[in-house]
Protein backbone atom coordinates (compact mmCIF):
# COMPACT_ATOMS: atom_id res chain seq x y z
CA MET A 1 3.68 -3.82 -17.63
CA SER A 2 4.19 -6.89 -14.99
CA LYS A 3 0.78 -8.90 -14.22
CA LEU A 4 -1.78 -8.61 -11.26
CA LYS A 5 0.26 -9.67 -8.42
CA THR A 6 -1.30 -10.44 -5.23
CA ASN A 7 0.08 -9.11 -1.75
CA ASN A 8 1.77 -12.31 -0.59
CA LYS A 9 3.41 -13.03 -4.65
CA ILE A 10 5.27 -9.66 -4.14
CA ILE A 11 6.55 -10.12 -0.83
CA GLU A 12 7.62 -13.31 -1.65
CA ASN A 13 9.16 -11.97 -4.60
CA ILE A 14 10.52 -8.90 -3.46
CA LYS A 15 13.95 -9.44 -4.71
CA SER A 16 13.04 -9.71 -8.37
CA ILE A 17 11.12 -6.30 -8.23
CA PRO A 18 13.90 -3.85 -10.20
CA LYS A 19 15.06 -0.83 -7.87
CA VAL A 20 14.41 1.47 -10.87
CA GLY A 21 11.53 3.91 -10.91
CA GLY A 22 7.82 3.46 -12.05
CA VAL A 23 4.26 3.21 -11.77
CA TYR A 24 2.28 0.86 -9.71
CA PHE A 25 -1.20 0.47 -9.54
CA TRP A 26 -3.57 -1.37 -7.22
CA TYR A 27 -6.84 -3.02 -8.08
CA ILE A 28 -9.63 -4.23 -5.45
CA ASP A 29 -12.38 -6.91 -6.19
CA ARG A 30 -15.95 -5.94 -5.95
CA GLU A 31 -16.16 -7.85 -2.31
CA GLY A 32 -13.21 -5.66 -1.17
CA ALA A 33 -14.85 -2.42 -2.51
CA THR A 34 -18.00 -3.39 -0.43
CA LYS A 35 -16.16 -3.60 2.87
CA LEU A 36 -14.00 -0.38 2.09
CA GLY A 37 -17.20 0.82 0.95
CA ILE A 38 -15.89 2.75 -2.26
CA PRO A 39 -17.64 3.16 -4.96
CA ILE A 40 -15.95 1.54 -8.16
CA ASP A 41 -18.64 2.10 -10.87
CA GLY A 42 -16.57 3.74 -13.67
CA CYS A 43 -13.09 2.38 -12.39
CA THR A 44 -10.56 0.78 -14.95
CA VAL A 45 -11.15 -3.02 -14.79
CA LYS A 46 -9.06 -5.68 -15.64
CA GLY A 47 -10.28 -9.07 -15.11
CA GLU A 48 -12.41 -8.79 -11.74
CA TYR A 49 -10.45 -6.00 -10.40
CA TYR A 50 -11.13 -2.44 -10.13
CA LEU A 51 -8.36 0.51 -10.11
CA ILE A 52 -8.35 2.12 -7.32
CA TYR A 53 -4.92 3.63 -6.65
CA ILE A 54 -1.74 4.57 -8.98
CA GLY A 55 1.07 5.67 -7.36
CA GLU A 56 4.85 6.58 -9.18
CA SER A 57 8.03 5.91 -7.34
CA LYS A 58 12.04 6.49 -7.72
CA ASP A 59 12.19 2.91 -6.63
CA LEU A 60 9.86 0.54 -7.27
CA ARG A 61 11.35 -2.52 -5.21
CA GLU A 62 11.05 -0.37 -1.80
CA ARG A 63 7.83 1.39 -2.41
CA LEU A 64 5.97 -1.93 -2.97
CA GLU A 65 7.86 -3.44 -0.12
CA TRP A 66 6.21 -0.41 1.85
CA HIS A 67 2.97 -0.81 0.71
CA THR A 68 2.68 -4.57 1.51
CA THR A 69 4.69 -5.16 4.88
CA GLY A 70 3.92 -1.63 6.42
CA LYS A 71 3.60 -2.25 10.29
CA HIS A 72 0.76 -0.23 12.79
CA THR A 73 2.76 0.18 15.84
CA LEU A 74 1.72 1.70 18.61
CA PHE A 75 5.42 2.77 19.52
CA GLY A 76 8.28 3.47 17.24
CA THR A 77 11.38 1.29 16.80
CA PRO A 78 12.19 -0.85 19.61
CA THR A 79 14.74 0.77 21.06
CA THR A 80 12.81 4.38 21.41
CA LYS A 81 9.51 2.82 22.81
CA LEU A 82 8.19 6.12 23.11
CA LYS A 83 4.41 6.73 22.49
CA SER A 84 3.25 9.23 19.97
CA ASP A 85 1.15 12.48 21.09
CA PHE A 86 -2.58 11.71 20.83
CA GLY A 87 -2.07 8.08 20.90
CA VAL A 88 -1.40 7.90 17.11
CA PRO A 89 1.52 5.14 16.17
CA THR A 90 5.07 6.78 15.51
CA ASN A 91 5.67 5.14 12.70
CA ILE A 92 2.40 7.21 11.26
CA LYS A 93 2.80 10.20 12.10
CA SER A 94 6.44 10.46 11.53
CA GLY A 95 5.35 9.19 7.85
CA PHE A 96 6.57 5.77 7.93
CA LEU A 97 3.15 3.71 7.32
CA SER A 98 2.59 3.73 3.41
CA GLY A 99 -0.73 5.96 2.07
CA LEU A 100 -2.40 3.56 0.76
CA ARG A 101 -2.10 1.27 4.36
CA GLN A 102 -3.21 4.36 6.21
CA LYS A 103 -6.45 4.67 3.90
CA LEU A 104 -6.95 1.29 3.38
CA SER A 105 -7.29 0.94 7.78
CA ALA A 106 -9.00 4.02 8.26
CA LEU A 107 -11.66 2.85 6.02
CA LEU A 108 -11.86 -0.30 7.08
CA PHE A 109 -11.90 0.90 11.18
CA GLY A 110 -11.73 4.48 11.51
CA ASN A 111 -8.20 4.39 12.59
CA TRP A 112 -4.98 3.27 11.70
CA HIS A 113 -4.05 0.24 13.97
CA SER A 114 -5.38 -2.22 11.95
CA LYS A 115 -2.32 -4.12 10.38
CA LYS A 116 -3.61 -7.66 10.53
CA ALA A 117 -6.95 -6.63 8.61
CA VAL A 118 -5.17 -4.22 6.35
CA ASP A 119 -3.07 -7.18 5.17
CA GLU A 120 -6.04 -9.85 5.00
CA LEU A 121 -7.56 -7.16 2.54
CA MET A 122 -4.66 -6.77 0.70
CA ASP A 123 -4.27 -10.69 0.50
CA ASN A 124 -7.58 -11.96 -0.44
CA HIS A 125 -9.32 -9.02 -2.19
CA MET A 126 -6.21 -6.65 -3.96
CA ARG A 127 -3.88 -6.92 -6.93
CA VAL A 128 -1.00 -4.90 -7.86
CA GLU A 129 0.92 -4.39 -11.52
CA TYR A 130 3.53 -2.41 -11.98
CA GLN A 131 5.80 -0.62 -14.89
CA THR A 132 8.79 0.04 -14.86
CA ASN A 133 10.08 3.92 -15.82
CA PRO A 134 13.46 5.12 -15.06
CA GLU A 135 12.17 8.55 -15.60
CA CYS A 136 10.47 8.32 -12.50
CA LYS A 137 12.27 10.60 -10.20
CA GLN A 138 11.88 12.13 -6.96
CA LEU A 139 10.23 15.55 -7.19
CA PRO A 140 11.37 18.27 -5.41
CA LEU A 141 9.91 19.29 -2.06
CA ILE A 142 8.06 22.52 -2.48
């Protein structure tokens, strides 16, 4: 199991994370949980951080990069410049914004447009650790 790392440390050292399957664990401190309005009593505790999110991926590096650097833009790729239906950012509508970032943004502001606020929350109040497991594979769609 890796040590708890900040969002910024993951971004800075993304190339050192193996491109293999595994499980990752996101933790939050009490102040961050209060900002989100989520209960943490009964959560698994590691130091001053409380476990709030567990994910599994066939490629840990790709998944952690996706969670740490997600875009919250109002448009699709720079070449398309097409706004999505109902004003929902294209990358969110098409599933290109991580579920973790969607949830954090929605809890903070009730929408998914708040990249800066999510980055600040993740940088200042959250930590992540991961464990490689080559057995983690992409689950078939049913």
